[in-house]
Amino acid sequence: MKRVLAPGFFDGVHIGHGKLFKAAAAQAERIGARACALTYDAHPTSVLTGRPIPLLCSAEERAALIQSLHGVPEVIMEPFDQETAAIPWRDYIDDVLIGRLEAAFIVAGHDYTFGRGGEGTPERLREHCAARGVGCAVIPPERIGGTRVSSTYIRGLIAEGDMERAARFLGRRYRLSGVVERGRGLGRRLGFPTVNLPLPPGRQAPEWGVYATVIVWDGREYPAVTNVGVRPSVEDGGAPTIESTLLSFDGDLYGEPIGVEFARFIRPEIKFPSADALAGQIRRDAEAARAILNVK
């Protein structure tokens, strides 16, 4: 079956991407084709510059979000390397998009670039597709209050700890996922058992601090208060961690895969002079998180 192809990296799968996928699905239904997202295993900018880009989701999460949130039935994950980047833009359209991937129609974002040196632009894509008898639509940017929705802008919000605004642009709370590791047990000794995750490599880290969060495990959601950072009250020079105290759960999640969804920043990470001072602040943080999340 021919495809209506939506190409792009789609980091974060934000509401602007959702607009593009909706247009692709509508066009696919119109012409009797299958909607398909084409994405890549590595960020093109990282490959071209050697500079790591902190991502909003992993490749696996990106593919799952495209399908689960926007109902795109097919996601193709292509490798992106120097060889891919060197393909002339016309050849990329002819040989890859239309030839190998059988695009009968292409839906691209306003800022989509492709081919050697980024010479392929939305306008060139539209003109070349017309010459080849293939349909093409270019989707204008989505804006919130005059601000253009983009993955770059959302990364900046998360780096600043502005999780509420980031959620507006993403269309959902920002999530970091991983497998729970065994901690040092200090939280339990203080009366606040915690679940600990390493900061996922390559992901956009929130500003170090304490957040009201929601822990997602086994299809259920649990309110929590979460510290992101290096825990200066516990150890010096430690690796960054995501340490969460669940507010309505009593059990052991060691070794379990969980997600931590960030609702609102509460305070910066600071070093406390004693265990008692730390315990008192955790109690206050938990009350703040309960109020933010509207739980008792």
Protein backbone atom coordinates (compact mmCIF):
# COMPACT_ATOMS: atom_id res chain seq x y z
CA MET A 1 0.00 0.00 0.00
CA LYS A 2 1.20 3.50 -0.81
CA ARG A 3 2.11 5.75 2.09
CA VAL A 4 1.34 9.28 3.20
CA LEU A 5 4.74 9.99 4.66
CA ALA A 6 5.45 12.43 7.50
CA PRO A 7 9.26 12.80 7.78
CA GLY A 8 11.09 14.44 10.69
CA PHE A 9 12.96 13.79 13.90
CA PHE A 10 9.95 14.67 16.11
CA ASP A 11 11.79 14.92 19.43
CA GLY A 12 9.26 15.04 22.26
CA VAL A 13 6.30 14.43 19.92
CA HIS A 14 4.87 17.81 20.92
CA ILE A 15 1.58 19.42 19.91
CA GLY A 16 3.08 20.86 16.73
CA HIS A 17 4.06 17.36 15.64
CA GLY A 18 0.56 16.22 16.53
CA LYS A 19 -0.87 18.76 14.08
CA LEU A 20 1.34 17.32 11.33
CA PHE A 21 0.34 13.72 12.12
CA LYS A 22 -3.34 14.69 12.08
CA ALA A 23 -2.91 16.18 8.60
CA ALA A 24 -1.11 13.04 7.41
CA ALA A 25 -3.86 10.77 8.77
CA ALA A 26 -6.58 12.86 7.11
CA GLN A 27 -4.76 12.78 3.78
CA ALA A 28 -4.20 9.02 4.05
CA GLU A 29 -7.91 8.45 4.55
CA ARG A 30 -8.67 10.78 1.64
CA ILE A 31 -6.53 8.89 -0.89
CA GLY A 32 -6.75 5.38 0.52
CA ALA A 33 -3.13 5.16 1.69
CA ARG A 34 -1.43 4.35 5.00
CA ALA A 35 -0.21 7.18 7.25
CA CYS A 36 3.43 6.67 8.19
CA ALA A 37 5.93 8.65 10.26
CA LEU A 38 9.56 8.55 9.14
CA THR A 39 12.00 9.33 11.94
CA TYR A 40 15.65 8.70 12.75
CA ASP A 41 17.71 6.88 15.35
CA ALA A 42 20.07 9.84 15.95
CA HIS A 43 19.54 13.59 16.03
CA PRO A 44 20.79 15.03 12.71
CA THR A 45 22.42 18.02 14.42
CA SER A 46 24.41 15.72 16.72
CA VAL A 47 25.60 13.65 13.76
CA LEU A 48 26.59 16.70 11.71
CA THR A 49 28.25 18.76 14.44
CA GLY A 50 29.40 16.15 16.94
CA ARG A 51 27.61 18.16 19.62
CA PRO A 52 25.22 16.11 21.78
CA ILE A 53 21.63 17.33 21.82
CA PRO A 54 19.81 16.48 25.08
CA LEU A 55 16.65 14.76 23.90
CA LEU A 56 13.09 14.88 25.21
CA CYS A 57 12.54 11.16 24.65
CA SER A 58 14.43 8.09 23.51
CA ALA A 59 14.00 6.67 20.02
CA GLU A 60 11.81 3.88 21.40
CA GLU A 61 9.67 6.31 23.37
CA ARG A 62 9.35 8.57 20.33
CA ALA A 63 8.02 5.77 18.16
CA ALA A 64 5.60 4.63 20.87
CA LEU A 65 4.27 8.16 21.45
CA ILE A 66 3.67 8.75 17.75
CA GLN A 67 1.54 5.63 17.60
CA SER A 68 -0.21 5.81 20.96
CA LEU A 69 -0.96 9.55 21.08
CA HIS A 70 -1.62 10.25 17.42
CA GLY A 71 -2.76 6.91 16.01
CA VAL A 72 -0.15 6.75 13.26
CA PRO A 73 -0.28 3.07 12.26
CA GLU A 74 3.31 2.83 11.02
CA VAL A 75 6.57 4.36 12.27
CA ILE A 76 9.76 3.79 10.30
CA MET A 77 12.98 4.32 12.27
CA GLU A 78 15.82 5.00 9.82
CA PRO A 79 19.52 5.29 10.70
CA PHE A 80 20.95 8.78 10.37
CA ASP A 81 24.69 8.94 9.80
CA GLN A 82 27.21 10.82 7.67
CA GLU A 83 26.27 8.75 4.64
CA THR A 84 22.61 9.69 5.00
CA ALA A 85 23.53 13.33 5.50
CA ALA A 86 25.55 13.34 2.26
CA ILE A 87 22.67 12.32 -0.03
CA PRO A 88 21.76 15.19 -2.44
CA TRP A 89 18.33 16.52 -1.67
CA ARG A 90 16.74 15.54 -5.01
CA ASP A 91 18.10 11.99 -4.66
CA TYR A 92 16.72 11.79 -1.14
CA ILE A 93 13.23 12.60 -2.42
CA ASP A 94 13.46 10.35 -5.47
CA ASP A 95 15.36 7.37 -4.09
CA VAL A 96 14.30 7.29 -0.45
CA LEU A 97 10.97 9.03 0.09
CA ILE A 98 9.25 8.21 -3.20
CA GLY A 99 11.31 5.21 -4.33
CA ARG A 100 12.11 2.98 -1.39
CA LEU A 101 9.39 4.22 1.00
CA GLU A 102 6.66 4.50 -1.66
CA ALA A 103 5.35 7.90 -0.69
CA ALA A 104 2.24 8.89 -2.62
CA PHE A 105 1.95 12.08 -0.57
CA ILE A 106 4.39 13.81 1.80
CA VAL A 107 3.40 15.97 4.77
CA ALA A 108 6.30 18.01 6.14
CA GLY A 109 6.78 20.61 8.82
CA HIS A 110 7.59 24.23 8.00
CA ASP A 111 11.19 23.78 9.22
CA TYR A 112 11.93 20.36 7.72
CA THR A 113 15.33 20.23 6.00
CA PHE A 114 17.05 17.26 4.41
CA GLY A 115 19.80 16.23 2.03
CA ARG A 116 23.42 17.26 1.76
CA GLY A 117 24.12 20.49 3.62
CA GLY A 118 20.46 20.80 4.57
CA GLU A 119 19.78 22.07 1.05
CA GLY A 120 16.41 20.37 0.90
CA THR A 121 13.76 22.81 2.11
CA PRO A 122 9.98 22.59 2.38
CA GLU A 123 9.61 24.74 -0.72
CA ARG A 124 12.01 22.56 -2.74
CA LEU A 125 10.22 19.47 -1.47
CA ARG A 126 6.86 20.82 -2.61
CA GLU A 127 8.15 21.82 -6.07
CA HIS A 128 10.00 18.55 -6.70
CA CYS A 129 7.05 16.44 -5.55
CA ALA A 130 4.78 18.35 -7.93
CA ALA A 131 7.16 17.60 -10.80
CA ARG A 132 7.09 13.91 -9.85
CA GLY A 133 3.29 13.79 -9.54
CA VAL A 134 3.41 13.27 -5.79
CA GLY A 135 1.28 15.35 -3.45
CA CYS A 136 2.88 17.47 -0.75
CA ALA A 137 1.64 19.66 2.11
CA VAL A 138 3.73 21.87 4.36
CA ILE A 139 2.29 22.40 7.84
CA PRO A 140 2.73 25.89 9.35
CA PRO A 141 4.10 26.27 12.91
CA GLU A 142 1.85 25.81 15.92
CA ARG A 143 1.90 28.71 18.39
CA ILE A 144 0.82 29.21 21.99
CA GLY A 145 0.36 32.84 22.99
CA GLY A 146 2.51 33.93 20.08
CA THR A 147 5.39 31.55 20.91
CA ARG A 148 6.25 28.94 18.31
CA VAL A 149 6.11 25.37 19.59
CA SER A 150 9.47 23.68 19.08
CA SER A 151 11.55 20.94 20.68
CA THR A 152 14.36 23.44 21.27
CA TYR A 153 12.07 25.79 23.18
CA ILE A 154 10.67 22.93 25.27
CA ARG A 155 14.18 21.76 26.18
CA GLY A 156 14.91 25.23 27.48
CA LEU A 157 11.77 25.23 29.63
CA ILE A 158 12.69 21.90 31.19
CA ALA A 159 16.27 23.03 31.83
CA GLU A 160 14.79 26.00 33.73
CA GLY A 161 12.39 23.79 35.71
CA ASP A 162 9.26 25.30 34.12
CA MET A 163 7.40 22.01 33.91
CA GLU A 164 3.93 23.51 33.69
CA ARG A 165 4.73 25.53 30.59
CA ALA A 166 6.67 22.60 29.11
CA ALA A 167 3.58 20.43 29.56
CA ARG A 168 1.45 22.97 27.65
CA PHE A 169 3.80 22.79 24.68
CA LEU A 170 4.30 19.03 24.85
CA GLY A 171 0.62 18.31 25.37
CA ARG A 172 1.44 16.20 28.44
CA ARG A 173 3.81 16.14 31.43
CA TYR A 174 7.50 15.60 30.76
CA ARG A 175 8.54 12.06 31.68
CA LEU A 176 11.82 10.38 32.52
CA SER A 177 11.83 6.58 32.72
CA GLY A 178 14.11 3.85 33.97
CA VAL A 179 14.51 0.83 36.21
CA VAL A 180 14.50 1.44 39.97
CA GLU A 181 17.91 0.99 41.56
CA ARG A 182 18.84 0.18 45.14
CA GLY A 183 19.68 3.36 47.04
CA ARG A 184 21.64 3.94 50.24
CA GLY A 185 18.53 3.55 52.39
CA LEU A 186 18.79 7.00 54.00
CA GLY A 187 15.25 7.94 53.01
CA ARG A 188 13.85 4.84 54.70
CA ARG A 189 15.87 5.56 57.84
CA LEU A 190 14.43 9.07 57.88
CA GLY A 191 10.91 7.69 57.48
CA PHE A 192 10.56 8.50 53.76
CA PRO A 193 11.23 5.40 51.61
CA THR A 194 12.31 6.40 48.11
CA VAL A 195 12.66 4.98 44.62
CA ASN A 196 15.84 5.87 42.79
CA LEU A 197 16.56 6.16 39.08
CA PRO A 198 19.77 7.18 37.36
CA LEU A 199 19.41 10.20 35.12
CA PRO A 200 18.90 8.63 31.66
CA PRO A 201 21.91 9.33 29.43
CA GLY A 202 21.31 11.69 26.55
CA ARG A 203 18.08 13.09 27.98
CA GLN A 204 17.21 16.67 28.82
CA ALA A 205 17.67 17.02 32.57
CA PRO A 206 15.37 19.27 34.58
CA GLU A 207 16.91 21.99 36.68
CA TRP A 208 18.31 20.45 39.87
CA GLY A 209 15.64 20.71 42.53
CA VAL A 210 12.51 19.26 44.09
CA TYR A 211 9.33 18.68 42.08
CA ALA A 212 5.76 17.53 42.52
CA THR A 213 5.62 14.44 40.32
CA VAL A 214 3.53 11.44 39.35
CA ILE A 215 5.10 7.98 39.31
CA VAL A 216 3.74 5.69 36.60
CA TRP A 217 4.10 1.97 37.30
CA ASP A 218 2.22 -1.01 35.92
CA GLY A 219 -0.39 1.24 34.32
CA ARG A 220 -1.15 3.12 37.54
CA GLU A 221 -0.25 6.61 38.73
CA TYR A 222 1.05 7.50 42.21
CA PRO A 223 1.64 11.05 43.51
CA ALA A 224 5.19 11.74 44.63
CA VAL A 225 7.76 14.36 45.50
CA THR A 226 11.01 14.02 43.57
CA ASN A 227 14.53 15.38 43.98
CA VAL A 228 16.60 15.70 40.81
CA GLY A 229 20.30 16.36 41.31
CA VAL A 230 23.38 15.20 43.15
CA ARG A 231 21.91 15.01 46.71
CA PRO A 232 24.49 17.28 48.40
CA SER A 233 23.07 16.48 51.85
CA VAL A 234 23.79 12.78 51.32
CA GLU A 235 27.03 12.54 49.35
CA ASP A 236 29.65 14.71 47.70
CA GLY A 237 30.40 14.37 44.02
CA GLY A 238 27.77 11.74 43.34
CA ALA A 239 26.21 11.05 39.96
CA PRO A 240 22.90 12.83 39.23
CA THR A 241 19.87 10.84 40.31
CA ILE A 242 16.09 11.03 40.31
CA GLU A 243 14.97 10.23 43.84
CA SER A 244 11.22 10.05 44.50
CA THR A 245 9.19 9.66 47.66
CA LEU A 246 5.78 8.18 46.86
CA LEU A 247 2.97 9.78 48.85
CA SER A 248 0.42 6.96 48.70
CA PHE A 249 2.26 3.71 48.10
CA ASP A 250 3.75 1.12 50.40
CA GLY A 251 5.85 -1.48 48.64
CA ASP A 252 9.18 -2.31 47.05
CA LEU A 253 9.71 -1.25 43.43
CA TYR A 254 13.38 -2.28 43.23
CA GLY A 255 14.11 -3.57 39.74
CA GLU A 256 10.79 -2.35 38.35
CA PRO A 257 10.47 -0.06 35.30
CA ILE A 258 8.77 3.22 36.19
CA GLY A 259 8.18 6.64 34.70
CA VAL A 260 8.50 9.94 36.58
CA GLU A 261 6.22 12.69 35.26
CA PHE A 262 7.04 16.23 36.36
CA ALA A 263 4.16 18.48 37.40
CA ARG A 264 5.69 21.55 39.09
CA PHE A 265 8.97 22.83 40.51
CA ILE A 266 8.87 23.27 44.31
CA ARG A 267 12.34 24.49 45.29
CA PRO A 268 16.03 24.31 44.32
CA GLU A 269 18.28 21.52 45.57
CA ILE A 270 20.20 22.62 48.67
CA LYS A 271 22.48 21.08 51.27
CA PHE A 272 21.05 20.67 54.78
CA PRO A 273 23.16 20.82 57.96
CA SER A 274 21.70 17.68 59.52
CA ALA A 275 19.52 14.64 58.91
CA ASP A 276 16.80 16.19 61.08
CA ALA A 277 16.78 19.35 58.98
CA LEU A 278 16.58 17.27 55.81
CA ALA A 279 13.70 15.19 57.21
CA GLY A 280 11.77 18.32 58.17
CA GLN A 281 12.17 19.75 54.68
CA ILE A 282 11.06 16.49 53.06
CA ARG A 283 7.86 16.68 55.13
CA ARG A 284 7.25 20.24 53.91
CA ASP A 285 8.03 19.26 50.32
CA ALA A 286 5.58 16.36 50.55
CA GLU A 287 2.83 18.70 51.77
CA ALA A 288 3.57 21.09 48.93
CA ALA A 289 3.40 18.24 46.42
CA ARG A 290 0.08 17.04 47.86
CA ALA A 291 -1.38 20.52 47.42
CA ILE A 292 -0.06 20.83 43.85
CA LEU A 293 -1.35 17.38 42.88
CA ASN A 294 -4.59 17.82 44.84
CA VAL A 295 -4.19 14.64 46.89
CA LYS A 296 -4.69 14.04 50.60
